[in-house]
N, C-alpha and C. Protein backbone atom coordinates (compact mmCIF):
# COMPACT_ATOMS: atom_id res chain seq x y z
N MET A 1 136.85 161.11 109.01
CA MET A 1 137.30 159.75 108.73
C MET A 1 137.31 159.55 107.22
N ALA A 2 138.39 159.04 106.69
CA ALA A 2 138.54 158.83 105.25
C ALA A 2 137.68 157.66 104.80
N ALA A 3 137.13 157.80 103.60
CA ALA A 3 136.30 156.73 103.04
C ALA A 3 137.20 155.55 102.65
N LYS A 4 136.65 154.37 102.82
CA LYS A 4 137.39 153.15 102.47
C LYS A 4 137.62 153.14 100.95
N GLN A 5 138.82 152.81 100.55
CA GLN A 5 139.16 152.75 99.13
C GLN A 5 138.45 151.55 98.50
N LYS A 6 137.83 151.78 97.34
CA LYS A 6 137.11 150.74 96.63
C LYS A 6 138.09 149.79 95.95
N THR A 7 137.70 148.52 95.88
CA THR A 7 138.55 147.50 95.27
C THR A 7 137.85 146.84 94.10
N LEU A 8 138.56 145.96 93.40
CA LEU A 8 137.96 145.18 92.33
C LEU A 8 136.84 144.31 92.88
N GLN A 9 137.00 143.83 94.09
CA GLN A 9 135.96 143.04 94.76
C GLN A 9 134.68 143.87 94.87
N ASP A 10 134.81 145.13 95.25
CA ASP A 10 133.64 146.02 95.34
C ASP A 10 133.01 146.22 93.96
N ALA A 11 133.84 146.44 92.96
CA ALA A 11 133.34 146.64 91.60
C ALA A 11 132.60 145.40 91.12
N PHE A 12 133.15 144.22 91.42
CA PHE A 12 132.51 142.97 91.03
C PHE A 12 131.13 142.85 91.66
N TYR A 13 131.06 143.10 92.96
CA TYR A 13 129.79 142.98 93.68
C TYR A 13 128.76 144.00 93.17
N GLU A 14 129.19 145.24 92.99
CA GLU A 14 128.26 146.28 92.50
C GLU A 14 127.76 145.96 91.09
N THR A 15 128.64 145.48 90.24
CA THR A 15 128.26 145.13 88.87
C THR A 15 127.36 143.90 88.87
N LEU A 16 127.62 142.97 89.75
CA LEU A 16 126.78 141.78 89.88
C LEU A 16 125.35 142.18 90.28
N LYS A 17 125.23 143.11 91.22
CA LYS A 17 123.91 143.60 91.63
C LYS A 17 123.20 144.29 90.46
N ASP A 18 123.97 145.04 89.69
CA ASP A 18 123.45 145.74 88.52
C ASP A 18 122.90 144.74 87.50
N VAL A 19 123.69 143.71 87.21
CA VAL A 19 123.29 142.71 86.22
C VAL A 19 122.11 141.87 86.73
N TYR A 20 122.07 141.62 88.01
CA TYR A 20 120.96 140.88 88.60
C TYR A 20 119.64 141.63 88.35
N TYR A 21 119.66 142.92 88.60
CA TYR A 21 118.49 143.76 88.32
C TYR A 21 118.18 143.73 86.83
N ALA A 22 119.21 143.93 86.01
CA ALA A 22 119.04 144.01 84.56
C ALA A 22 118.46 142.72 84.00
N GLU A 23 118.95 141.60 84.47
CA GLU A 23 118.46 140.31 83.96
C GLU A 23 117.00 140.08 84.32
N ARG A 24 116.61 140.49 85.51
CA ARG A 24 115.20 140.35 85.89
C ARG A 24 114.33 141.26 85.03
N GLN A 25 114.81 142.45 84.70
CA GLN A 25 114.07 143.36 83.82
C GLN A 25 114.00 142.77 82.41
N SER A 26 115.07 142.13 82.00
CA SER A 26 115.13 141.53 80.67
C SER A 26 114.05 140.45 80.51
N VAL A 27 113.84 139.66 81.53
CA VAL A 27 112.81 138.61 81.47
C VAL A 27 111.45 139.25 81.19
N LYS A 28 111.14 140.32 81.90
CA LYS A 28 109.86 141.02 81.70
C LYS A 28 109.76 141.59 80.29
N ALA A 29 110.83 142.23 79.82
CA ALA A 29 110.83 142.85 78.49
C ALA A 29 110.68 141.80 77.40
N LEU A 30 111.32 140.67 77.56
CA LEU A 30 111.24 139.60 76.56
C LEU A 30 109.83 139.03 76.48
N LYS A 31 109.19 138.86 77.63
CA LYS A 31 107.82 138.34 77.63
C LYS A 31 106.87 139.31 76.94
N LYS A 32 107.03 140.60 77.20
CA LYS A 32 106.20 141.62 76.54
C LYS A 32 106.46 141.64 75.04
N SER A 33 107.73 141.54 74.67
CA SER A 33 108.10 141.57 73.26
C SER A 33 107.56 140.35 72.53
N ALA A 34 107.55 139.20 73.19
CA ALA A 34 107.02 138.00 72.57
C ALA A 34 105.54 138.17 72.24
N LYS A 35 104.82 138.84 73.12
CA LYS A 35 103.39 139.08 72.87
C LYS A 35 103.17 140.06 71.72
N SER A 36 104.12 140.95 71.50
CA SER A 36 103.99 141.97 70.46
C SER A 36 104.49 141.52 69.10
N ALA A 37 105.39 140.57 69.07
CA ALA A 37 106.01 140.16 67.80
C ALA A 37 105.00 139.50 66.88
N GLU A 38 105.02 139.90 65.63
CA GLU A 38 104.16 139.30 64.61
C GLU A 38 104.85 138.09 63.97
N ASN A 39 106.15 138.22 63.78
CA ASN A 39 106.93 137.16 63.15
C ASN A 39 107.07 135.99 64.14
N GLU A 40 106.67 134.81 63.70
CA GLU A 40 106.66 133.64 64.59
C GLU A 40 108.06 133.27 65.06
N GLU A 41 109.04 133.37 64.19
CA GLU A 41 110.41 133.04 64.56
C GLU A 41 110.94 134.01 65.63
N LEU A 42 110.61 135.27 65.49
CA LEU A 42 111.03 136.27 66.47
C LEU A 42 110.31 136.04 67.80
N ARG A 43 109.03 135.75 67.73
CA ARG A 43 108.25 135.47 68.94
C ARG A 43 108.86 134.28 69.69
N GLN A 44 109.19 133.23 68.96
CA GLN A 44 109.77 132.04 69.58
C GLN A 44 111.13 132.36 70.20
N ALA A 45 111.93 133.17 69.52
CA ALA A 45 113.24 133.55 70.05
C ALA A 45 113.08 134.30 71.37
N PHE A 46 112.10 135.21 71.41
CA PHE A 46 111.85 135.96 72.65
C PHE A 46 111.39 135.04 73.78
N GLU A 47 110.48 134.12 73.47
CA GLU A 47 109.97 133.21 74.49
C GLU A 47 111.08 132.30 75.02
N THR A 48 111.88 131.77 74.11
CA THR A 48 112.98 130.90 74.50
C THR A 48 113.99 131.64 75.36
N HIS A 49 114.33 132.86 74.95
CA HIS A 49 115.33 133.60 75.73
C HIS A 49 114.77 134.09 77.06
N ALA A 50 113.47 134.31 77.15
CA ALA A 50 112.87 134.67 78.44
C ALA A 50 113.06 133.52 79.43
N GLU A 51 112.85 132.29 78.95
CA GLU A 51 113.06 131.12 79.82
C GLU A 51 114.53 131.00 80.19
N GLU A 52 115.39 131.20 79.21
CA GLU A 52 116.83 131.13 79.44
C GLU A 52 117.26 132.21 80.44
N SER A 53 116.70 133.40 80.30
CA SER A 53 117.05 134.50 81.20
C SER A 53 116.61 134.20 82.64
N ALA A 54 115.49 133.53 82.79
CA ALA A 54 115.06 133.13 84.14
C ALA A 54 116.09 132.19 84.76
N GLU A 55 116.66 131.30 83.95
CA GLU A 55 117.72 130.41 84.43
C GLU A 55 119.00 131.22 84.73
N GLN A 56 119.24 132.25 83.96
CA GLN A 56 120.40 133.10 84.19
C GLN A 56 120.29 133.84 85.52
N VAL A 57 119.08 134.23 85.88
CA VAL A 57 118.85 134.86 87.18
C VAL A 57 119.23 133.87 88.29
N GLU A 58 118.85 132.60 88.11
CA GLU A 58 119.20 131.58 89.10
C GLU A 58 120.72 131.40 89.19
N ARG A 59 121.39 131.46 88.03
CA ARG A 59 122.85 131.36 88.04
C ARG A 59 123.48 132.52 88.80
N LEU A 60 122.92 133.71 88.60
CA LEU A 60 123.43 134.87 89.32
C LEU A 60 123.26 134.70 90.82
N GLN A 61 122.16 134.11 91.23
CA GLN A 61 121.94 133.85 92.65
C GLN A 61 123.03 132.91 93.18
N GLN A 62 123.43 131.93 92.35
CA GLN A 62 124.52 131.03 92.75
C GLN A 62 125.84 131.79 92.89
N VAL A 63 126.06 132.77 92.00
CA VAL A 63 127.29 133.57 92.08
C VAL A 63 127.31 134.37 93.37
N PHE A 64 126.16 134.94 93.73
CA PHE A 64 126.07 135.67 95.00
C PHE A 64 126.44 134.73 96.16
N GLU A 65 125.92 133.50 96.12
CA GLU A 65 126.24 132.53 97.18
C GLU A 65 127.74 132.25 97.23
N ILE A 66 128.36 132.09 96.06
CA ILE A 66 129.80 131.80 95.99
C ILE A 66 130.62 132.90 96.66
N ILE A 67 130.21 134.14 96.45
CA ILE A 67 130.99 135.25 97.04
C ILE A 67 130.51 135.62 98.44
N GLY A 68 129.49 134.91 98.93
CA GLY A 68 129.04 135.13 100.30
C GLY A 68 128.26 136.41 100.51
N LYS A 69 127.56 136.85 99.48
CA LYS A 69 126.78 138.09 99.57
C LYS A 69 125.31 137.79 99.26
N PRO A 70 124.41 138.62 99.79
CA PRO A 70 122.98 138.40 99.49
C PRO A 70 122.67 138.74 98.03
N ALA A 71 121.78 137.96 97.45
CA ALA A 71 121.36 138.20 96.06
C ALA A 71 120.35 139.34 96.07
N ARG A 72 120.82 140.49 95.67
CA ARG A 72 119.91 141.63 95.56
C ARG A 72 120.39 142.51 94.42
N GLY A 73 119.43 143.14 93.80
CA GLY A 73 119.76 143.98 92.67
C GLY A 73 119.87 145.43 93.07
N LYS A 74 120.48 146.18 92.19
CA LYS A 74 120.48 147.63 92.33
C LYS A 74 120.02 148.17 90.99
N THR A 75 119.26 149.23 91.02
CA THR A 75 118.69 149.78 89.80
C THR A 75 119.76 149.98 88.75
N CYS A 76 119.50 149.41 87.59
CA CYS A 76 120.41 149.51 86.46
C CYS A 76 119.84 150.55 85.49
N GLU A 77 120.44 151.72 85.51
CA GLU A 77 119.96 152.82 84.66
C GLU A 77 120.04 152.45 83.18
N ALA A 78 121.08 151.73 82.81
CA ALA A 78 121.24 151.33 81.40
C ALA A 78 120.08 150.45 80.96
N MET A 79 119.73 149.44 81.76
CA MET A 79 118.63 148.55 81.38
C MET A 79 117.30 149.29 81.41
N GLN A 80 117.13 150.18 82.35
CA GLN A 80 115.90 150.98 82.36
C GLN A 80 115.78 151.77 81.06
N GLY A 81 116.88 152.35 80.64
CA GLY A 81 116.87 153.11 79.39
C GLY A 81 116.58 152.24 78.19
N LEU A 82 117.23 151.09 78.13
CA LEU A 82 117.03 150.19 77.00
C LEU A 82 115.60 149.65 76.94
N THR A 83 115.04 149.29 78.09
CA THR A 83 113.67 148.77 78.08
C THR A 83 112.66 149.88 77.83
N PHE A 84 112.94 151.09 78.32
CA PHE A 84 112.07 152.23 78.03
C PHE A 84 112.06 152.50 76.53
N GLU A 85 113.24 152.49 75.94
CA GLU A 85 113.36 152.72 74.50
C GLU A 85 112.62 151.64 73.71
N MET A 86 112.70 150.40 74.18
CA MET A 86 112.00 149.30 73.52
C MET A 86 110.49 149.53 73.56
N GLU A 87 109.99 149.93 74.72
CA GLU A 87 108.55 150.20 74.87
C GLU A 87 108.12 151.36 73.97
N GLU A 88 108.92 152.40 73.97
CA GLU A 88 108.62 153.58 73.16
C GLU A 88 108.59 153.23 71.66
N ASP A 89 109.59 152.49 71.21
CA ASP A 89 109.65 152.07 69.81
C ASP A 89 108.49 151.14 69.47
N LYS A 90 108.15 150.26 70.40
CA LYS A 90 107.04 149.34 70.18
C LYS A 90 105.75 150.12 69.93
N GLU A 91 105.52 151.16 70.71
CA GLU A 91 104.33 151.99 70.54
C GLU A 91 104.40 152.80 69.25
N ASP A 92 105.56 153.39 68.97
CA ASP A 92 105.72 154.22 67.78
C ASP A 92 105.55 153.44 66.48
N PHE A 93 105.96 152.17 66.48
CA PHE A 93 105.94 151.38 65.25
C PHE A 93 104.86 150.31 65.24
N GLU A 94 103.98 150.34 66.24
CA GLU A 94 102.90 149.36 66.32
C GLU A 94 102.11 149.33 65.02
N ASP A 95 101.80 148.15 64.56
CA ASP A 95 101.03 147.93 63.33
C ASP A 95 101.72 148.41 62.07
N SER A 96 103.01 148.66 62.11
CA SER A 96 103.74 149.05 60.90
C SER A 96 104.53 147.85 60.41
N PRO A 97 104.91 147.85 59.12
CA PRO A 97 105.72 146.74 58.61
C PRO A 97 107.08 146.64 59.30
N ALA A 98 107.54 147.70 59.93
CA ALA A 98 108.85 147.71 60.57
C ALA A 98 108.79 147.35 62.06
N ALA A 99 107.60 147.04 62.58
CA ALA A 99 107.45 146.80 64.02
C ALA A 99 108.36 145.69 64.53
N ASP A 100 108.39 144.56 63.84
CA ASP A 100 109.24 143.46 64.30
C ASP A 100 110.72 143.79 64.15
N ALA A 101 111.07 144.51 63.10
CA ALA A 101 112.48 144.90 62.91
C ALA A 101 112.93 145.78 64.06
N VAL A 102 112.07 146.68 64.50
CA VAL A 102 112.39 147.58 65.62
C VAL A 102 112.50 146.80 66.93
N LEU A 103 111.59 145.83 67.12
CA LEU A 103 111.66 144.99 68.32
C LEU A 103 112.96 144.20 68.36
N ALA A 104 113.32 143.62 67.23
CA ALA A 104 114.56 142.84 67.15
C ALA A 104 115.77 143.72 67.44
N ALA A 105 115.77 144.93 66.90
CA ALA A 105 116.90 145.85 67.13
C ALA A 105 117.00 146.23 68.60
N SER A 106 115.88 146.47 69.25
CA SER A 106 115.88 146.80 70.67
C SER A 106 116.39 145.63 71.50
N ALA A 107 115.96 144.44 71.14
CA ALA A 107 116.40 143.25 71.86
C ALA A 107 117.91 143.03 71.68
N GLU A 108 118.41 143.31 70.50
CA GLU A 108 119.85 143.18 70.26
C GLU A 108 120.64 144.18 71.11
N ALA A 109 120.11 145.38 71.28
CA ALA A 109 120.78 146.37 72.12
C ALA A 109 120.90 145.85 73.55
N ILE A 110 119.84 145.23 74.03
CA ILE A 110 119.86 144.64 75.38
C ILE A 110 120.90 143.51 75.45
N GLU A 111 120.91 142.66 74.42
CA GLU A 111 121.89 141.57 74.40
C GLU A 111 123.32 142.11 74.42
N HIS A 112 123.58 143.15 73.66
CA HIS A 112 124.94 143.72 73.61
C HIS A 112 125.35 144.25 74.98
N TYR A 113 124.43 144.88 75.66
CA TYR A 113 124.71 145.36 77.02
C TYR A 113 125.05 144.18 77.93
N GLU A 114 124.21 143.15 77.86
CA GLU A 114 124.43 141.99 78.72
C GLU A 114 125.75 141.28 78.39
N ILE A 115 126.07 141.17 77.12
CA ILE A 115 127.33 140.55 76.71
C ILE A 115 128.51 141.32 77.32
N ALA A 116 128.46 142.63 77.25
CA ALA A 116 129.53 143.45 77.81
C ALA A 116 129.66 143.22 79.31
N ARG A 117 128.55 143.20 80.01
CA ARG A 117 128.57 143.05 81.46
C ARG A 117 129.03 141.65 81.88
N TYR A 118 128.50 140.63 81.22
CA TYR A 118 128.89 139.26 81.59
C TYR A 118 130.36 139.00 81.26
N GLY A 119 130.85 139.57 80.18
CA GLY A 119 132.27 139.43 79.85
C GLY A 119 133.15 140.04 80.93
N THR A 120 132.76 141.21 81.38
CA THR A 120 133.50 141.88 82.46
C THR A 120 133.44 141.07 83.75
N LEU A 121 132.25 140.64 84.12
CA LEU A 121 132.10 139.88 85.36
C LEU A 121 132.89 138.58 85.33
N LYS A 122 132.87 137.90 84.19
CA LYS A 122 133.63 136.64 84.06
C LYS A 122 135.13 136.92 84.28
N THR A 123 135.64 137.95 83.64
CA THR A 123 137.06 138.31 83.78
C THR A 123 137.39 138.63 85.22
N TRP A 124 136.56 139.46 85.85
CA TRP A 124 136.81 139.83 87.24
C TRP A 124 136.72 138.62 88.17
N ALA A 125 135.74 137.74 87.94
CA ALA A 125 135.60 136.55 88.79
C ALA A 125 136.88 135.71 88.71
N THR A 126 137.40 135.58 87.51
CA THR A 126 138.65 134.83 87.34
C THR A 126 139.79 135.51 88.10
N GLN A 127 139.91 136.82 87.95
CA GLN A 127 140.98 137.56 88.62
C GLN A 127 140.86 137.50 90.14
N LEU A 128 139.64 137.43 90.62
CA LEU A 128 139.41 137.41 92.07
C LEU A 128 139.45 135.99 92.66
N GLY A 129 139.67 135.00 91.79
CA GLY A 129 139.78 133.62 92.28
C GLY A 129 138.46 132.89 92.44
N TYR A 130 137.41 133.39 91.84
CA TYR A 130 136.10 132.74 91.90
C TYR A 130 135.90 131.88 90.65
N ALA A 131 136.63 130.77 90.57
CA ALA A 131 136.58 129.92 89.37
C ALA A 131 135.16 129.41 89.09
N ASP A 132 134.46 128.98 90.13
CA ASP A 132 133.10 128.46 89.93
C ASP A 132 132.16 129.56 89.44
N ALA A 133 132.31 130.75 89.97
CA ALA A 133 131.50 131.89 89.52
C ALA A 133 131.82 132.22 88.07
N ALA A 134 133.10 132.18 87.72
CA ALA A 134 133.52 132.47 86.34
C ALA A 134 132.88 131.48 85.37
N LYS A 135 132.79 130.22 85.76
CA LYS A 135 132.15 129.20 84.90
C LYS A 135 130.67 129.51 84.71
N LEU A 136 129.99 129.87 85.78
CA LEU A 136 128.56 130.22 85.70
C LEU A 136 128.36 131.44 84.81
N LEU A 137 129.18 132.45 85.00
CA LEU A 137 129.07 133.68 84.22
C LEU A 137 129.40 133.42 82.74
N ASP A 138 130.36 132.53 82.49
CA ASP A 138 130.70 132.20 81.12
C ASP A 138 129.55 131.45 80.43
N ALA A 139 128.88 130.58 81.16
CA ALA A 139 127.73 129.87 80.58
C ALA A 139 126.68 130.87 80.13
N THR A 140 126.43 131.87 80.95
CA THR A 140 125.45 132.90 80.58
C THR A 140 125.98 133.75 79.42
N LEU A 141 127.24 134.10 79.47
CA LEU A 141 127.83 134.89 78.38
C LEU A 141 127.66 134.17 77.04
N GLN A 142 127.91 132.87 77.01
CA GLN A 142 127.77 132.11 75.77
C GLN A 142 126.32 132.09 75.29
N GLU A 143 125.36 131.98 76.22
CA GLU A 143 123.94 132.02 75.86
C GLU A 143 123.57 133.39 75.27
N GLU A 144 124.09 134.44 75.88
CA GLU A 144 123.79 135.80 75.40
C GLU A 144 124.35 135.99 73.98
N LYS A 145 125.55 135.50 73.73
CA LYS A 145 126.14 135.61 72.40
C LYS A 145 125.33 134.82 71.38
N LYS A 146 124.89 133.64 71.77
CA LYS A 146 124.08 132.79 70.88
C LYS A 146 122.76 133.48 70.55
N THR A 147 122.14 134.08 71.56
CA THR A 147 120.88 134.79 71.34
C THR A 147 121.09 135.99 70.44
N ASP A 148 122.17 136.71 70.65
CA ASP A 148 122.48 137.86 69.80
C ASP A 148 122.63 137.42 68.34
N GLN A 149 123.34 136.33 68.12
CA GLN A 149 123.53 135.82 66.75
C GLN A 149 122.19 135.43 66.14
N LEU A 150 121.35 134.76 66.92
CA LEU A 150 120.03 134.36 66.43
C LEU A 150 119.19 135.60 66.07
N LEU A 151 119.20 136.60 66.94
CA LEU A 151 118.44 137.83 66.66
C LEU A 151 118.96 138.52 65.41
N THR A 152 120.27 138.49 65.20
CA THR A 152 120.85 139.09 63.99
C THR A 152 120.33 138.36 62.76
N GLU A 153 120.33 137.04 62.80
CA GLU A 153 119.86 136.25 61.66
C GLU A 153 118.37 136.51 61.38
N ILE A 154 117.58 136.55 62.43
CA ILE A 154 116.14 136.83 62.27
C ILE A 154 115.95 138.24 61.73
N ALA A 155 116.68 139.19 62.30
CA ALA A 155 116.56 140.59 61.88
C ALA A 155 116.89 140.76 60.40
N GLU A 156 117.90 140.05 59.93
CA GLU A 156 118.26 140.17 58.51
C GLU A 156 117.10 139.77 57.61
N ARG A 157 116.30 138.82 58.06
CA ARG A 157 115.14 138.39 57.27
C ARG A 157 113.97 139.37 57.43
N ILE A 158 113.69 139.78 58.67
CA ILE A 158 112.51 140.63 58.88
C ILE A 158 112.77 142.08 58.52
N ASN A 159 114.01 142.51 58.48
CA ASN A 159 114.30 143.88 58.06
C ASN A 159 113.85 144.10 56.63
N VAL A 160 113.97 143.08 55.81
CA VAL A 160 113.52 143.18 54.42
C VAL A 160 112.01 143.39 54.39
N GLU A 161 111.29 142.65 55.22
CA GLU A 161 109.84 142.80 55.30
C GLU A 161 109.46 144.21 55.74
N GLY A 162 110.24 144.78 56.64
CA GLY A 162 109.95 146.11 57.17
C GLY A 162 110.18 147.23 56.17
N THR A 163 110.88 146.94 55.08
CA THR A 163 111.13 147.98 54.07
C THR A 163 110.07 148.00 52.99
N GLU A 164 109.22 147.00 52.97
CA GLU A 164 108.22 146.91 51.91
C GLU A 164 107.01 147.78 52.21
N THR A 165 106.73 148.70 51.28
CA THR A 165 105.51 149.52 51.36
C THR A 165 104.96 149.69 49.97
N ASP A 166 103.75 150.16 49.86
CA ASP A 166 103.14 150.40 48.56
C ASP A 166 103.86 151.50 47.80
N ALA A 167 104.45 152.42 48.53
CA ALA A 167 105.10 153.57 47.90
C ALA A 167 106.53 153.28 47.46
N ASP A 168 107.03 152.07 47.75
CA ASP A 168 108.43 151.76 47.42
C ASP A 168 108.77 152.00 45.96
N GLU A 169 107.89 151.58 45.07
CA GLU A 169 108.19 151.74 43.65
C GLU A 169 108.25 153.21 43.26
N GLU A 170 107.37 154.02 43.85
CA GLU A 170 107.36 155.45 43.53
C GLU A 170 108.60 156.15 44.06
N LEU A 171 109.11 155.71 45.20
CA LEU A 171 110.25 156.35 45.83
C LEU A 171 111.60 155.81 45.36
N ALA A 172 111.59 154.65 44.72
CA ALA A 172 112.85 154.04 44.30
C ALA A 172 113.51 154.90 43.23
N PRO A 173 114.83 155.04 43.29
CA PRO A 173 115.52 155.83 42.28
C PRO A 173 115.41 155.16 40.91
N LYS A 174 115.27 155.97 39.90
CA LYS A 174 115.17 155.45 38.53
C LYS A 174 116.53 154.95 38.10
N LYS A 175 116.55 153.78 37.51
CA LYS A 175 117.81 153.21 37.03
C LYS A 175 118.03 153.67 35.60
N THR A 176 119.24 154.08 35.31
CA THR A 176 119.58 154.46 33.95
C THR A 176 120.59 153.47 33.42
N SER A 177 120.46 153.18 32.16
CA SER A 177 121.40 152.23 31.57
C SER A 177 122.69 152.95 31.23
N LYS A 178 123.76 152.21 31.13
CA LYS A 178 125.06 152.80 30.78
C LYS A 178 125.04 153.33 29.35
N ALA A 179 124.26 152.73 28.52
CA ALA A 179 124.19 153.16 27.13
C ALA A 179 123.63 154.58 27.05
N LYS A 180 122.58 154.87 27.84
CA LYS A 180 122.00 156.22 27.83
C LYS A 180 122.96 157.23 28.40
N ALA A 181 123.66 156.83 29.46
CA ALA A 181 124.55 157.76 30.13
C ALA A 181 125.76 158.11 29.26
N ALA A 182 126.16 157.22 28.35
CA ALA A 182 127.37 157.45 27.56
C ALA A 182 127.14 158.34 26.43
């Protein structure tokens, strides 16, 4: 017996399950990152987005209802990799001046993944005639983009802090004046 040909509807449902799992993992990762962050602004961003992500999980449950499918996740290898990398970097850079910069970078990687997935899901929902689902997915997409922008702004400030060490002056290249060079 030939296997049933997969459709865009199938892709939408499978990706929705993937994102549902990923978003729930994201909530856990954000809470852990908030506890690890030294920079108060970064800690607050993580805490705020963890709350927002919990609401996003609820929105995803509404999308499942709209399409008449049970809200269940499927293991998202990408999110597992991103959160594993975040944990590994957190341990590797613990107590270093770059610790918060590394946390922010890991969180941005997660946001970029989520932005890509929510953008795709929104487009597919529209194509499949799920206008209400598309609105819910777009609300989450806009939150993810806003969080990414905030993390970028915070990272630009804390990255400078992460470059400061006692050895910076010794390692900095010597500046020569144009007069000497001529």
